[in-house]
Amino acid sequence: MTLTPPVPLAVLAALLADGTRARFCLALLDGRAWSAGELAAHAGVAASTASEHLSQLIGGGLLTEERQGRHRYVRLAGPGVAQLIEDLAAHAGADAGARPATLRAASATRALAAARTCYDHLAGRLGVMITDALVARRLLRQDAGFALSDAGLSWFATELGVCLPVGGRRLLARPCLDWTERRHHLAGTAGAVLCATALERGWVSRIGSGRALAVTAAGQEALARLLGVTGLAETAP
């Protein structure tokens, strides 16, 4: 990942070493812009404390900000930053082995593990199952990283009605290590298109304001028909 301006590794590590800043970055993996107040409430800190942490993350190139009137919105600086955060979460386990303290926390943990967004692509069991199905149907190759086959490009065009751009700045397909499944799911432009399509067509719906997703009845039917993916009933609302 390239940051502009370049940030020394020790400085970058220090930015993510703080628990509040780490929680901010993990929350922003849903790919949306959050207000400073929303992040403060999410992390359980005062607005002034959140503002200080956000300024450090913006100064370090991990976040970008946008102001609308009195409100300050922030998001991850781009796919490269999202990949860094997700990879670190996978390496650290992202507290996946910790026992939830409440029934509500346990339910939230199960929902995240079942299906969620990882910046702009699908993750959790759902993301891994879709990736496995693409590989099994020879639409996605894993011989040297991830790469869509000619059949895969055709599948996106004919089945989803999307012609993927070839030769863009962003990788068309890349593996992203899933921190709950400890296996790779599909990221890159193709992963983003799949996620956007699933949301737009109502195959998945967001659970509350977080990253967790529920697979709808329409999504179960579509994924079974298009990719032979079954066994998703447990993720439905």
Protein backbone atom coordinates (compact mmCIF):
# COMPACT_ATOMS: atom_id res chain seq x y z
CA MET A 1 0.00 0.00 0.00
CA THR A 2 1.23 3.50 -0.81
CA LEU A 3 0.34 6.43 1.41
CA THR A 4 0.68 10.05 0.33
CA PRO A 5 2.76 11.56 1.78
CA PRO A 6 4.82 8.49 2.79
CA VAL A 7 4.50 7.64 6.48
CA PRO A 8 7.31 5.84 8.34
CA LEU A 9 6.34 2.35 9.43
CA ALA A 10 6.77 3.15 13.13
CA VAL A 11 4.45 6.15 12.84
CA LEU A 12 1.86 4.09 10.97
CA ALA A 13 2.06 1.34 13.59
CA ALA A 14 1.64 3.90 16.36
CA LEU A 15 -1.51 5.23 14.72
CA LEU A 16 -3.15 1.81 14.91
CA ALA A 17 -1.72 0.87 18.31
CA ASP A 18 -4.37 2.89 20.13
CA GLY A 19 -7.58 0.99 20.86
CA THR A 20 -9.92 3.86 20.03
CA ARG A 21 -8.28 4.56 16.69
CA ALA A 22 -8.31 0.84 15.87
CA ARG A 23 -12.06 0.68 16.63
CA PHE A 24 -12.63 3.65 14.35
CA CYS A 25 -10.79 1.96 11.48
CA LEU A 26 -12.60 -1.35 11.96
CA ALA A 27 -15.98 0.41 11.96
CA LEU A 28 -15.08 2.27 8.76
CA LEU A 29 -14.45 -1.04 7.00
CA ASP A 30 -18.14 -0.93 6.09
CA GLY A 31 -17.06 1.43 3.30
CA ARG A 32 -19.34 4.29 4.33
CA ALA A 33 -18.62 7.74 5.68
CA TRP A 34 -19.23 8.14 9.41
CA SER A 35 -19.66 11.37 11.30
CA ALA A 36 -17.29 12.15 14.14
CA GLY A 37 -20.22 11.91 16.55
CA GLU A 38 -21.21 8.45 15.31
CA LEU A 39 -17.66 7.16 15.74
CA ALA A 40 -17.41 8.72 19.20
CA ALA A 41 -20.60 6.93 20.26
CA HIS A 42 -19.43 3.69 18.66
CA ALA A 43 -16.13 3.74 20.56
CA GLY A 44 -17.64 5.12 23.76
CA VAL A 45 -15.44 8.21 23.93
CA ALA A 46 -16.08 11.94 24.25
CA ALA A 47 -16.50 14.00 21.09
CA SER A 48 -13.32 15.96 21.87
CA THR A 49 -11.36 12.72 22.26
CA ALA A 50 -12.75 11.37 18.97
CA SER A 51 -11.83 14.58 17.17
CA GLU A 52 -8.23 14.35 18.35
CA HIS A 53 -7.91 10.72 17.25
CA LEU A 54 -9.51 11.43 13.88
CA SER A 55 -7.12 14.29 13.21
CA GLN A 56 -4.21 11.92 13.78
CA LEU A 57 -5.64 9.28 11.44
CA ILE A 58 -6.31 11.89 8.76
CA GLY A 59 -2.84 13.35 9.16
CA GLY A 60 -1.36 9.87 8.79
CA GLY A 61 -3.18 9.29 5.52
CA LEU A 62 -5.44 6.49 6.78
CA LEU A 63 -8.65 8.53 6.64
CA THR A 64 -10.04 11.30 4.50
CA GLU A 65 -12.58 13.85 5.69
CA GLU A 66 -15.45 15.81 4.23
CA ARG A 67 -17.33 18.60 5.94
CA GLN A 68 -21.02 19.30 5.40
CA GLY A 69 -22.11 22.30 7.39
CA ARG A 70 -21.30 21.67 11.03
CA HIS A 71 -20.75 17.96 10.52
CA ARG A 72 -17.44 16.25 9.87
CA TYR A 73 -17.52 12.95 7.99
CA VAL A 74 -14.61 10.57 7.60
CA ARG A 75 -13.97 7.40 5.63
CA LEU A 76 -11.02 5.13 4.91
CA ALA A 77 -8.64 6.73 2.42
CA GLY A 78 -9.12 3.95 -0.14
CA PRO A 79 -9.08 0.22 -0.90
CA GLY A 80 -5.39 -0.05 0.00
CA VAL A 81 -6.04 1.21 3.51
CA ALA A 82 -9.02 -1.12 3.85
CA GLN A 83 -6.83 -4.04 2.82
CA LEU A 84 -4.23 -3.06 5.40
CA ILE A 85 -6.82 -2.88 8.21
CA GLU A 86 -8.47 -6.18 7.25
CA ASP A 87 -5.11 -7.95 6.92
CA LEU A 88 -4.03 -6.71 10.34
CA ALA A 89 -7.36 -7.77 11.81
CA ALA A 90 -6.93 -11.24 10.31
CA HIS A 91 -3.39 -11.49 11.69
CA ALA A 92 -4.48 -10.35 15.14
CA GLY A 93 -7.68 -12.36 15.12
CA ALA A 94 -9.71 -9.18 15.65
CA ASP A 95 -10.75 -10.54 19.07
CA ALA A 96 -12.46 -13.40 17.22
CA GLY A 97 -11.52 -15.79 19.98
CA ALA A 98 -12.82 -13.58 22.78
CA ARG A 99 -16.08 -14.65 24.42
CA PRO A 100 -18.82 -12.01 23.98
CA ALA A 101 -19.86 -10.46 27.28
CA THR A 102 -23.60 -10.23 26.51
CA LEU A 103 -26.22 -12.04 24.45
CA ARG A 104 -26.48 -8.98 22.20
CA ALA A 105 -22.73 -9.00 21.63
CA ALA A 106 -22.82 -12.73 20.85
CA SER A 107 -25.58 -12.18 18.27
CA ALA A 108 -23.60 -9.35 16.66
CA THR A 109 -20.50 -11.55 16.48
CA ARG A 110 -22.45 -14.37 14.82
CA ALA A 111 -23.96 -11.96 12.30
CA LEU A 112 -20.54 -10.56 11.38
CA ALA A 113 -19.12 -14.05 10.94
CA ALA A 114 -22.05 -15.09 8.72
CA ALA A 115 -22.02 -12.19 6.28
CA ARG A 116 -20.59 -8.68 6.29
CA THR A 117 -19.00 -6.04 4.14
CA CYS A 118 -15.24 -5.66 4.08
CA TYR A 119 -14.91 -2.10 2.79
CA ASP A 120 -16.71 -2.57 -0.56
CA HIS A 121 -16.80 -6.35 -0.97
CA LEU A 122 -18.46 -9.35 0.69
CA ALA A 123 -16.82 -11.16 3.58
CA GLY A 124 -17.59 -13.72 6.26
CA ARG A 125 -18.94 -17.18 5.40
CA LEU A 126 -20.99 -15.64 2.61
CA GLY A 127 -17.95 -14.06 0.94
CA VAL A 128 -15.91 -17.25 1.22
CA MET A 129 -18.74 -19.43 -0.09
CA ILE A 130 -19.20 -17.18 -3.12
CA THR A 131 -15.46 -17.22 -3.76
CA ASP A 132 -15.36 -21.02 -3.52
CA ALA A 133 -18.27 -21.24 -5.98
CA LEU A 134 -16.50 -18.96 -8.47
CA VAL A 135 -13.39 -21.14 -8.24
CA ALA A 136 -15.35 -24.40 -8.56
CA ARG A 137 -17.01 -23.11 -11.74
CA ARG A 138 -13.64 -22.00 -13.12
CA LEU A 139 -14.74 -18.39 -13.19
CA LEU A 140 -11.95 -17.43 -10.80
CA ARG A 141 -8.40 -18.80 -10.92
CA GLN A 142 -6.16 -19.21 -7.89
CA ASP A 143 -2.99 -20.45 -9.56
CA ALA A 144 -1.16 -17.14 -9.06
CA GLY A 145 -3.15 -15.03 -6.68
CA PHE A 146 -6.69 -14.33 -7.89
CA ALA A 147 -7.57 -13.74 -11.54
CA LEU A 148 -10.85 -13.92 -13.42
CA SER A 149 -10.89 -16.36 -16.31
CA ASP A 150 -12.39 -15.48 -19.68
CA ALA A 151 -15.45 -17.41 -18.55
CA GLY A 152 -15.49 -15.32 -15.39
CA LEU A 153 -15.47 -12.05 -17.32
CA SER A 154 -18.26 -13.41 -19.48
CA TRP A 155 -20.22 -14.44 -16.38
CA PHE A 156 -20.12 -10.92 -14.99
CA ALA A 157 -21.28 -9.53 -18.35
CA THR A 158 -24.06 -12.03 -19.07
CA GLU A 159 -25.30 -13.04 -15.62
CA LEU A 160 -24.84 -9.74 -13.78
CA GLY A 161 -24.99 -7.42 -16.76
CA VAL A 162 -21.73 -5.71 -15.81
CA CYS A 163 -18.72 -5.38 -18.11
CA LEU A 164 -15.73 -5.21 -15.80
CA PRO A 165 -13.02 -2.70 -16.74
CA VAL A 166 -9.77 -4.37 -17.77
CA GLY A 167 -6.48 -2.56 -17.21
CA GLY A 168 -7.68 -0.12 -14.55
CA ARG A 169 -5.58 1.14 -11.67
CA ARG A 170 -7.34 -1.14 -9.22
CA LEU A 171 -6.81 -4.89 -9.46
CA LEU A 172 -9.71 -6.66 -11.07
CA ALA A 173 -9.52 -9.50 -8.55
CA ARG A 174 -7.39 -10.03 -5.49
CA PRO A 175 -7.53 -12.28 -2.42
CA CYS A 176 -8.42 -10.74 0.93
CA LEU A 177 -7.83 -12.82 4.06
CA ASP A 178 -11.06 -13.18 6.00
CA TRP A 179 -10.44 -12.66 9.72
CA THR A 180 -13.30 -14.91 10.85
CA GLU A 181 -12.99 -17.69 8.28
CA ARG A 182 -9.17 -17.48 8.03
CA ARG A 183 -9.51 -18.09 4.31
CA HIS A 184 -9.53 -15.77 1.34
CA HIS A 185 -12.56 -14.03 -0.13
CA LEU A 186 -12.76 -12.05 -3.36
CA ALA A 187 -11.79 -8.36 -3.30
CA GLY A 188 -10.80 -5.89 -6.00
CA THR A 189 -13.10 -4.43 -8.65
CA ALA A 190 -14.91 -7.74 -9.19
CA GLY A 191 -15.55 -8.12 -5.46
CA ALA A 192 -16.86 -4.56 -5.26
CA VAL A 193 -19.20 -5.13 -8.20
CA LEU A 194 -20.57 -8.32 -6.63
CA CYS A 195 -21.21 -6.55 -3.34
CA ALA A 196 -22.85 -3.53 -4.97
CA THR A 197 -25.04 -5.81 -7.10
CA ALA A 198 -26.12 -7.86 -4.07
CA LEU A 199 -27.12 -4.71 -2.18
CA GLU A 200 -28.84 -3.02 -5.14
CA ARG A 201 -30.87 -6.11 -6.05
CA GLY A 202 -31.86 -6.84 -2.47
CA TRP A 203 -29.94 -10.11 -2.21
CA VAL A 204 -28.49 -8.90 1.06
CA SER A 205 -29.58 -6.19 3.47
CA ARG A 206 -27.67 -4.35 6.15
CA ILE A 207 -28.32 -5.24 9.78
CA GLY A 208 -28.58 -1.95 11.64
CA SER A 209 -25.81 0.55 10.96
CA GLY A 210 -22.86 -1.84 11.12
CA ARG A 211 -21.08 -4.10 8.66
CA ALA A 212 -23.22 -7.20 9.19
CA LEU A 213 -25.49 -8.35 6.38
CA ALA A 214 -28.50 -10.63 6.18
CA VAL A 215 -29.08 -12.77 3.12
CA THR A 216 -32.67 -12.32 1.95
CA ALA A 217 -34.94 -14.93 0.38
CA ALA A 218 -34.29 -13.30 -3.00
CA GLY A 219 -30.56 -13.56 -2.36
CA GLN A 220 -30.77 -17.23 -1.47
CA GLU A 221 -32.63 -17.93 -4.71
CA ALA A 222 -30.27 -15.81 -6.85
CA LEU A 223 -27.05 -17.21 -5.42
CA ALA A 224 -28.32 -20.78 -5.74
CA ARG A 225 -29.32 -20.16 -9.36
CA LEU A 226 -26.23 -18.22 -10.44
CA LEU A 227 -23.49 -20.01 -8.49
CA GLY A 228 -25.02 -23.05 -6.84
CA VAL A 229 -24.45 -21.50 -3.40
CA THR A 230 -26.84 -23.02 -0.85
CA GLY A 231 -27.06 -23.32 2.92
CA LEU A 232 -27.50 -19.59 3.50
CA ALA A 233 -30.75 -19.75 5.47
CA GLU A 234 -28.98 -19.18 8.78
CA THR A 235 -27.92 -15.68 7.66
CA ALA A 236 -31.41 -14.57 6.73
CA PRO A 237 -33.27 -12.22 9.10
